[in-house]
Amino acid sequence: MKVPVAVACAVLVLATACHGLQLGYYKNSCPRVEAIVRDEVKKFIYKDAGIGAGLIRLVFHDCFVQGCDGSVLLDPTPANPNPEKLSPPNFPSLRGFEVIDAAKDAVEKACPGVVSCADIVAFAARDAAYFLSRFRVKINVPGGRLDGRRSVDSDALASLPPPNFNVNQLIGAFASKGLDAEDMVILSGAHTIGRSHCSSFVSDRLAVPSDINGGFANFLRSRCPANPTSANDPTVNQDIVTPNALDNQYYKNIIAHKVLFASDATLLTTPTTAKIVAENANIPGWWEDKFAKAFVKMAAIEVKTGYQAHEPTVNQDPIGNHYYHNILAHKVLFTSDVAGDDDDGGGQCQHHIPGWWEDKFKKAFVKMASMRWT
């Protein structure tokens, strides 16, 4: 039976984390996880390259909002009717959720309750870049992200840079996430693939004077209404030269003034960013290498990790900490047990750190045995 991603994530939603990012993070607890995710991504991309573009955008939209924690995946609930997924920057344009569902389902069959949704989002985007670049973009993505509890539409509005930002606003937005101006220009190169709704650029690129190439503008006007609405908002390729390839064509398009967004065109407006654009456009392999490094930095934004790096392990002591595994799997009898799963404190760590509970139990037992009863 297919497990909905929001339900599967719930078992691994930990606000207080107990480990750090590591390459090969799941080598003992789920050694095939990255191969499983890659196989699922490959199936979808070979049917529709646009899904791959969606996966790359998905990790960016996840990481820029409260960190790389999978919160962009969460569906609305009565208690939280407006999650990130339904925020205007994400809905209805964000794609790739069905790939994450399929990958999570396959991973759960192999390693139930071990791999976080946040890591699957990062691995899937990594694999999408690999396939769409014709195997040129190879990224070593560490694992160990934990899933977040908070998912609010207003956070996405506040955190995601819109397509009309100028270069200084873009630099500021990326700096707030620990990324520099070069990272910003490099990561913007993901606009070399995928599609955009006309509403994202008509008002400030076609309806008013801009630096856009005249022929390109006329082409876009033939595809887009003058006043896009929710009922009439077509999509166009972001890169009309190599629309299904993750390559450096985006930078050539910037120089030719054949890009959709004001946030793309603005990269020519400062000497520093214009130089980076030119290097990426003209030096073979330059952008692909830079993108791999910038991707790793982005995929580590505000991750929910903590003080001790351990892989999730399954019941190292059957008479010890398995109770905490049961809480996370919602397999406990009492309401008082379930309430413990809502604790944002160190209780979550009992599940992940070998020997943690045993040591804590001895200390707590001594304290309890020293109580004075009246």
Protein backbone atom coordinates (compact mmCIF):
# COMPACT_ATOMS: atom_id res chain seq x y z
CA MET A 1 0.00 0.00 0.00
CA LYS A 2 1.35 3.43 -0.92
CA VAL A 3 2.10 5.60 2.11
CA PRO A 4 1.21 9.30 1.58
CA VAL A 5 4.34 11.39 1.94
CA ALA A 6 2.79 13.63 4.60
CA VAL A 7 2.02 10.59 6.75
CA ALA A 8 5.41 9.01 6.16
CA CYS A 9 7.10 12.26 7.10
CA ALA A 10 5.19 12.50 10.35
CA VAL A 11 7.22 9.64 11.84
CA LEU A 12 10.43 11.56 11.17
CA VAL A 13 9.30 15.08 12.08
CA LEU A 14 11.78 16.11 14.75
CA ALA A 15 12.15 19.72 15.74
CA THR A 16 15.20 19.00 17.88
CA ALA A 17 17.84 17.01 16.03
CA CYS A 18 20.58 14.73 17.22
CA HIS A 19 23.06 14.50 14.36
CA GLY A 20 24.87 16.31 11.54
CA LEU A 21 25.13 16.12 7.75
CA GLN A 22 27.44 13.41 6.43
CA LEU A 23 28.24 11.86 3.09
CA GLY A 24 27.07 8.26 3.15
CA TYR A 25 24.86 9.08 6.11
CA TYR A 26 22.65 6.02 5.55
CA LYS A 27 25.42 3.57 4.68
CA ASN A 28 24.51 1.31 7.60
CA SER A 29 20.86 2.05 8.26
CA CYS A 30 19.63 2.17 4.64
CA PRO A 31 22.54 1.50 2.28
CA ARG A 32 20.50 1.54 -0.96
CA VAL A 33 18.52 4.70 -0.29
CA GLU A 34 20.34 6.89 -2.82
CA ALA A 35 20.12 4.24 -5.53
CA ILE A 36 16.41 3.79 -4.81
CA VAL A 37 15.74 7.52 -5.10
CA ARG A 38 17.81 7.79 -8.28
CA ASP A 39 15.89 4.95 -9.91
CA GLU A 40 12.57 6.63 -9.17
CA VAL A 41 13.78 10.02 -10.43
CA LYS A 42 15.07 8.43 -13.62
CA LYS A 43 11.69 6.84 -14.36
CA PHE A 44 9.90 10.17 -14.17
CA ILE A 45 12.48 12.32 -15.97
CA TYR A 46 12.74 10.02 -18.94
CA LYS A 47 8.98 10.44 -19.38
CA ASP A 48 8.93 14.21 -18.74
CA ALA A 49 12.06 16.35 -18.38
CA GLY A 50 9.95 19.10 -16.85
CA ILE A 51 9.51 16.97 -13.73
CA GLY A 52 13.28 17.15 -13.25
CA ALA A 53 13.20 20.93 -13.44
CA GLY A 54 10.43 20.83 -10.85
CA LEU A 55 12.54 18.75 -8.48
CA ILE A 56 15.43 21.21 -8.65
CA ARG A 57 13.04 24.08 -7.95
CA LEU A 58 11.42 22.05 -5.16
CA VAL A 59 14.62 21.76 -3.12
CA PHE A 60 15.31 25.48 -3.55
CA HIS A 61 11.82 26.36 -2.35
CA ASP A 62 12.17 23.95 0.56
CA CYS A 63 15.58 25.16 1.71
CA PHE A 64 14.89 28.89 1.46
CA VAL A 65 11.87 28.60 3.78
CA GLN A 66 12.78 27.56 7.34
CA GLY A 67 15.71 25.52 6.02
CA CYS A 68 15.96 22.19 4.18
CA ASP A 69 13.38 20.31 6.22
CA GLY A 70 10.81 18.89 3.79
CA SER A 71 8.13 21.26 5.06
CA VAL A 72 7.20 22.24 1.49
CA LEU A 73 5.75 18.73 1.11
CA LEU A 74 3.15 19.01 3.85
CA ASP A 75 -0.50 19.08 2.79
CA PRO A 76 -3.16 21.29 4.37
CA THR A 77 -4.90 20.02 7.49
CA PRO A 78 -7.76 21.40 9.59
CA ALA A 79 -5.17 22.62 12.08
CA ASN A 80 -2.94 24.10 9.36
CA PRO A 81 -5.05 24.95 6.29
CA ASN A 82 -2.40 27.12 4.60
CA PRO A 83 0.97 25.35 4.42
CA GLU A 84 3.94 26.38 2.25
CA LYS A 85 2.71 24.15 -0.56
CA LEU A 86 -0.30 26.47 -1.11
CA SER A 87 1.64 29.74 -0.97
CA PRO A 88 1.54 31.81 -4.21
CA PRO A 89 5.23 31.20 -5.03
CA ASN A 90 4.53 27.46 -4.90
CA PHE A 91 0.95 26.93 -6.00
CA PRO A 92 0.07 25.90 -8.62
CA SER A 93 3.51 26.03 -10.28
CA LEU A 94 5.66 23.84 -8.01
CA ARG A 95 6.09 20.33 -9.40
CA GLY A 96 7.65 17.01 -8.51
CA PHE A 97 5.60 16.00 -5.49
CA GLU A 98 4.59 12.72 -7.12
CA VAL A 99 8.26 11.81 -7.55
CA ILE A 100 8.94 12.38 -3.87
CA ASP A 101 5.86 10.29 -3.02
CA ALA A 102 7.10 7.43 -5.20
CA ALA A 103 10.65 7.64 -3.85
CA LYS A 104 9.47 7.79 -0.24
CA ASP A 105 7.19 4.81 -0.79
CA ALA A 106 10.05 2.76 -2.29
CA VAL A 107 12.45 3.79 0.48
CA GLU A 108 9.93 2.93 3.20
CA LYS A 109 9.59 -0.58 1.79
CA ALA A 110 13.35 -1.05 2.03
CA CYS A 111 14.03 0.85 5.26
CA PRO A 112 10.88 1.77 7.17
CA GLY A 113 11.12 4.78 9.44
CA VAL A 114 14.75 5.61 8.70
CA VAL A 115 15.11 8.19 5.89
CA SER A 116 13.78 11.71 6.24
CA CYS A 117 11.64 13.35 3.58
CA ALA A 118 14.03 16.31 3.62
CA ASP A 119 16.89 14.08 2.52
CA ILE A 120 14.77 12.52 -0.22
CA VAL A 121 13.99 16.01 -1.58
CA ALA A 122 17.71 16.84 -1.68
CA PHE A 123 18.72 13.50 -3.22
CA ALA A 124 15.97 13.74 -5.86
CA ALA A 125 17.05 17.23 -6.93
CA ARG A 126 20.66 16.07 -7.09
CA ASP A 127 19.64 13.18 -9.35
CA ALA A 128 17.48 15.41 -11.53
CA ALA A 129 20.48 17.67 -12.14
CA TYR A 130 22.58 14.62 -13.04
CA PHE A 131 20.15 13.31 -15.64
CA LEU A 132 19.16 16.67 -17.12
CA SER A 133 22.80 17.71 -17.54
CA ARG A 134 23.47 14.51 -19.46
CA PHE A 135 25.53 13.26 -16.51
CA ARG A 136 27.80 16.35 -16.39
CA VAL A 137 26.58 17.74 -13.05
CA LYS A 138 27.73 15.33 -10.34
CA ILE A 139 26.92 16.44 -6.82
CA ASN A 140 28.00 14.76 -3.59
CA VAL A 141 25.04 15.47 -1.32
CA PRO A 142 25.38 14.56 2.35
CA GLY A 143 22.42 13.25 4.33
CA GLY A 144 21.15 13.76 7.84
CA ARG A 145 18.46 16.43 7.49
CA LEU A 146 15.48 16.09 9.77
CA ASP A 147 11.94 17.00 8.84
CA GLY A 148 10.33 20.18 10.15
CA ARG A 149 7.00 20.70 11.86
CA ARG A 150 6.32 24.27 10.73
CA SER A 151 4.85 24.86 7.26
CA VAL A 152 3.11 28.20 6.78
CA ASP A 153 2.30 29.95 3.51
CA SER A 154 3.40 33.37 4.77
CA ASP A 155 6.92 32.03 5.41
CA ALA A 156 7.28 31.21 1.72
CA LEU A 157 6.11 34.68 0.71
CA ALA A 158 8.61 36.25 3.07
CA SER A 159 11.58 34.06 2.16
CA LEU A 160 11.46 33.25 -1.57
CA PRO A 161 12.91 35.97 -3.83
CA PRO A 162 10.31 36.96 -6.46
CA PRO A 163 11.11 37.21 -10.18
CA ASN A 164 11.09 41.02 -10.13
CA PHE A 165 13.93 41.43 -7.62
CA ASN A 166 16.90 43.55 -8.64
CA VAL A 167 20.47 42.39 -8.16
CA ASN A 168 20.96 44.03 -4.76
CA GLN A 169 17.74 42.51 -3.45
CA LEU A 170 18.82 39.11 -4.74
CA ILE A 171 22.25 39.41 -3.11
CA GLY A 172 20.57 40.34 0.17
CA ALA A 173 18.07 37.47 0.01
CA PHE A 174 20.82 34.92 -0.64
CA ALA A 175 23.12 36.45 1.98
CA SER A 176 20.39 35.95 4.57
CA LYS A 177 20.70 32.23 3.87
CA GLY A 178 24.50 32.14 4.07
CA LEU A 179 25.05 32.27 0.30
CA ASP A 180 27.19 34.87 -1.48
CA ALA A 181 26.71 36.78 -4.74
CA GLU A 182 28.49 34.11 -6.76
CA ASP A 183 26.28 31.40 -5.28
CA MET A 184 23.26 33.48 -6.28
CA VAL A 185 24.36 33.83 -9.90
CA ILE A 186 25.36 30.17 -10.11
CA LEU A 187 22.12 28.84 -8.63
CA SER A 188 20.11 31.14 -10.88
CA GLY A 189 21.48 29.02 -13.70
CA ALA A 190 18.82 26.45 -12.89
CA HIS A 191 16.55 28.75 -14.90
CA THR A 192 18.08 27.11 -17.95
CA ILE A 193 15.40 24.43 -17.66
CA GLY A 194 11.72 24.34 -16.88
CA ARG A 195 8.74 26.49 -17.70
CA SER A 196 7.24 29.68 -16.30
CA HIS A 197 3.74 31.06 -16.16
CA CYS A 198 3.29 34.23 -18.20
CA SER A 199 2.07 36.06 -15.10
CA SER A 200 5.59 35.86 -13.69
CA PHE A 201 7.09 38.20 -16.29
CA VAL A 202 4.51 39.93 -18.51
CA SER A 203 3.92 42.94 -16.27
CA ASP A 204 7.55 43.99 -15.83
CA ARG A 205 9.16 42.61 -18.99
CA LEU A 206 6.59 42.96 -21.78
CA ALA A 207 4.04 45.51 -20.62
CA VAL A 208 6.65 48.17 -19.84
CA PRO A 209 9.93 49.22 -21.45
CA SER A 210 12.74 46.76 -20.63
CA ASP A 211 16.02 45.52 -22.04
CA ILE A 212 14.45 42.35 -23.46
CA ASN A 213 15.39 41.44 -27.03
CA GLY A 214 12.72 42.71 -29.41
CA GLY A 215 12.31 39.48 -31.35
CA PHE A 216 12.18 37.45 -28.15
CA ALA A 217 9.58 39.85 -26.73
CA ASN A 218 7.42 39.42 -29.81
CA PHE A 219 7.72 35.64 -29.51
CA LEU A 220 6.56 35.79 -25.89
CA ARG A 221 3.66 38.09 -26.75
CA SER A 222 2.50 35.50 -29.25
CA ARG A 223 2.35 32.96 -26.43
CA CYS A 224 1.13 35.07 -23.50
CA PRO A 225 -2.01 37.19 -22.96
CA ALA A 226 -1.44 40.87 -22.27
CA ASN A 227 -3.11 40.47 -18.88
CA PRO A 228 -2.68 36.93 -17.58
CA THR A 229 -5.28 35.68 -15.11
CA SER A 230 -5.64 32.51 -13.08
CA ALA A 231 -8.00 31.25 -15.79
CA ASN A 232 -5.66 32.23 -18.64
CA ASP A 233 -2.02 31.93 -17.67
CA PRO A 234 -0.06 29.77 -20.15
CA THR A 235 3.49 28.57 -19.59
CA VAL A 236 6.57 29.04 -21.77
CA ASN A 237 10.04 27.52 -21.72
CA GLN A 238 12.55 29.50 -19.69
CA ASP A 239 15.26 28.60 -22.20
CA ILE A 240 14.04 28.34 -25.79
CA VAL A 241 17.43 27.20 -27.12
CA THR A 242 18.01 24.02 -25.06
CA PRO A 243 14.75 23.73 -23.09
CA ASN A 244 15.34 20.18 -21.81
CA ALA A 245 19.02 20.45 -20.88
CA LEU A 246 20.61 21.66 -17.66
CA ASP A 247 23.52 23.56 -19.20
CA ASN A 248 25.11 27.01 -19.38
CA GLN A 249 22.77 28.30 -22.12
CA TYR A 250 21.00 30.45 -19.52
CA TYR A 251 24.04 32.72 -19.28
CA LYS A 252 24.27 33.06 -23.05
CA ASN A 253 20.61 34.01 -23.01
CA ILE A 254 21.25 36.69 -20.40
CA ILE A 255 23.96 38.25 -22.55
CA ALA A 256 21.61 38.11 -25.57
CA HIS A 257 18.80 39.70 -23.49
CA LYS A 258 16.62 36.65 -24.06
CA VAL A 259 15.58 35.79 -20.52
CA LEU A 260 12.14 35.89 -18.94
CA PHE A 261 12.56 37.47 -15.55
CA ALA A 262 13.76 40.84 -14.35
CA SER A 263 15.75 38.87 -11.76
CA ASP A 264 17.62 37.21 -14.65
CA ALA A 265 18.29 40.39 -16.63
CA THR A 266 19.49 42.25 -13.53
CA LEU A 267 22.57 40.01 -13.30
CA LEU A 268 24.18 42.21 -15.99
CA THR A 269 23.75 45.40 -13.98
CA THR A 270 26.80 45.13 -11.72
CA PRO A 271 30.41 44.47 -12.80
CA THR A 272 30.78 41.59 -10.34
CA THR A 273 27.69 39.65 -11.37
CA ALA A 274 28.16 40.46 -15.07
CA LYS A 275 31.67 38.97 -14.89
CA ILE A 276 30.29 35.77 -13.36
CA VAL A 277 27.65 35.59 -16.10
CA ALA A 278 30.32 35.94 -18.79
CA GLU A 279 32.54 33.26 -17.24
CA ASN A 280 29.66 30.81 -17.04
CA ALA A 281 28.65 31.55 -20.62
CA ASN A 282 32.11 31.22 -22.14
CA ILE A 283 34.18 28.71 -20.16
CA PRO A 284 33.22 25.07 -20.88
CA GLY A 285 32.42 23.11 -17.73
CA TRP A 286 32.81 26.15 -15.47
CA TRP A 287 29.18 26.48 -14.51
CA GLU A 288 28.59 22.76 -13.99
CA ASP A 289 31.41 22.55 -11.43
CA LYS A 290 30.33 25.72 -9.67
CA PHE A 291 26.70 24.61 -9.58
CA ALA A 292 27.60 21.35 -7.85
CA LYS A 293 29.39 23.23 -5.06
CA ALA A 294 26.69 25.89 -4.68
CA PHE A 295 24.01 23.20 -4.58
CA VAL A 296 25.69 21.52 -1.60
CA LYS A 297 25.82 24.86 0.23
CA MET A 298 22.16 25.54 -0.52
CA ALA A 299 21.12 22.05 0.57
CA ALA A 300 22.65 22.72 4.00
CA ILE A 301 20.67 25.90 4.72
CA GLU A 302 19.36 25.90 8.30
CA VAL A 303 19.12 22.12 8.40
CA LYS A 304 17.64 20.67 11.54
CA THR A 305 20.71 18.91 12.84
CA GLY A 306 22.35 18.96 16.22
CA TYR A 307 25.18 18.08 18.46
CA GLN A 308 25.96 14.42 17.76
CA ALA A 309 26.33 12.72 14.39
CA HIS A 310 24.73 9.29 14.43
CA GLU A 311 22.80 7.45 11.79
CA PRO A 312 19.26 6.47 12.73
CA THR A 313 19.55 2.97 14.09
CA VAL A 314 16.89 0.36 14.65
CA ASN A 315 16.57 -0.98 18.18
CA GLN A 316 20.13 -1.57 19.24
CA ASP A 317 18.82 -2.82 22.60
CA PRO A 318 15.41 -4.53 22.51
CA ILE A 319 15.04 -4.04 26.27
CA GLY A 320 16.17 -0.43 26.05
CA ASN A 321 15.18 2.43 23.79
CA HIS A 322 12.68 0.62 21.56
CA TYR A 323 9.88 2.40 23.41
CA TYR A 324 10.96 5.62 21.71
CA HIS A 325 10.94 3.98 18.28
CA ASN A 326 7.37 2.94 19.04
CA ILE A 327 6.37 6.50 19.92
CA LEU A 328 7.70 7.78 16.59
CA ALA A 329 5.89 4.98 14.77
CA HIS A 330 2.67 5.72 16.72
CA LYS A 331 2.61 2.18 18.12
CA VAL A 332 2.06 2.92 21.81
CA LEU A 333 -0.93 2.26 24.05
CA PHE A 334 -1.40 5.32 26.19
CA THR A 335 -2.25 8.96 25.51
CA SER A 336 0.57 9.86 27.88
CA ASP A 337 2.98 8.10 25.52
CA VAL A 338 1.71 9.91 22.42
CA ALA A 339 1.99 13.25 24.19
CA GLY A 340 5.71 12.62 24.50
CA ASP A 341 6.01 12.71 20.72
CA ASP A 342 4.91 16.35 20.76
CA ASP A 343 7.81 17.35 22.98
CA ASP A 344 10.30 19.60 21.22
CA GLY A 345 13.04 18.74 23.68
CA GLY A 346 15.66 16.07 24.11
CA GLY A 347 13.09 13.25 24.27
CA GLN A 348 13.30 12.95 20.50
CA CYS A 349 16.97 12.07 20.79
CA GLN A 350 16.33 8.86 22.69
CA HIS A 351 15.42 7.20 19.36
CA HIS A 352 18.62 8.06 17.55
CA ILE A 353 21.60 7.97 19.92
CA PRO A 354 22.87 4.54 21.00
CA GLY A 355 23.19 4.32 24.79
CA TRP A 356 21.58 7.72 25.37
CA TRP A 357 18.46 6.40 27.09
CA GLU A 358 20.31 3.85 29.22
CA ASP A 359 22.60 6.51 30.70
CA LYS A 360 19.74 8.95 31.26
CA PHE A 361 17.59 6.22 32.83
CA LYS A 362 20.24 5.39 35.45
CA LYS A 363 20.51 9.03 36.50
CA ALA A 364 16.76 9.50 36.60
CA PHE A 365 16.34 6.27 38.59
CA VAL A 366 18.78 7.48 41.24
CA LYS A 367 16.90 10.79 41.50
CA MET A 368 13.57 9.00 41.77
CA ALA A 369 14.91 6.59 44.42
CA SER A 370 16.10 9.54 46.49
CA MET A 371 12.67 11.18 46.64
CA ARG A 372 11.15 11.69 50.06
CA TRP A 373 7.59 10.37 50.20
CA THR A 374 5.11 11.70 52.76
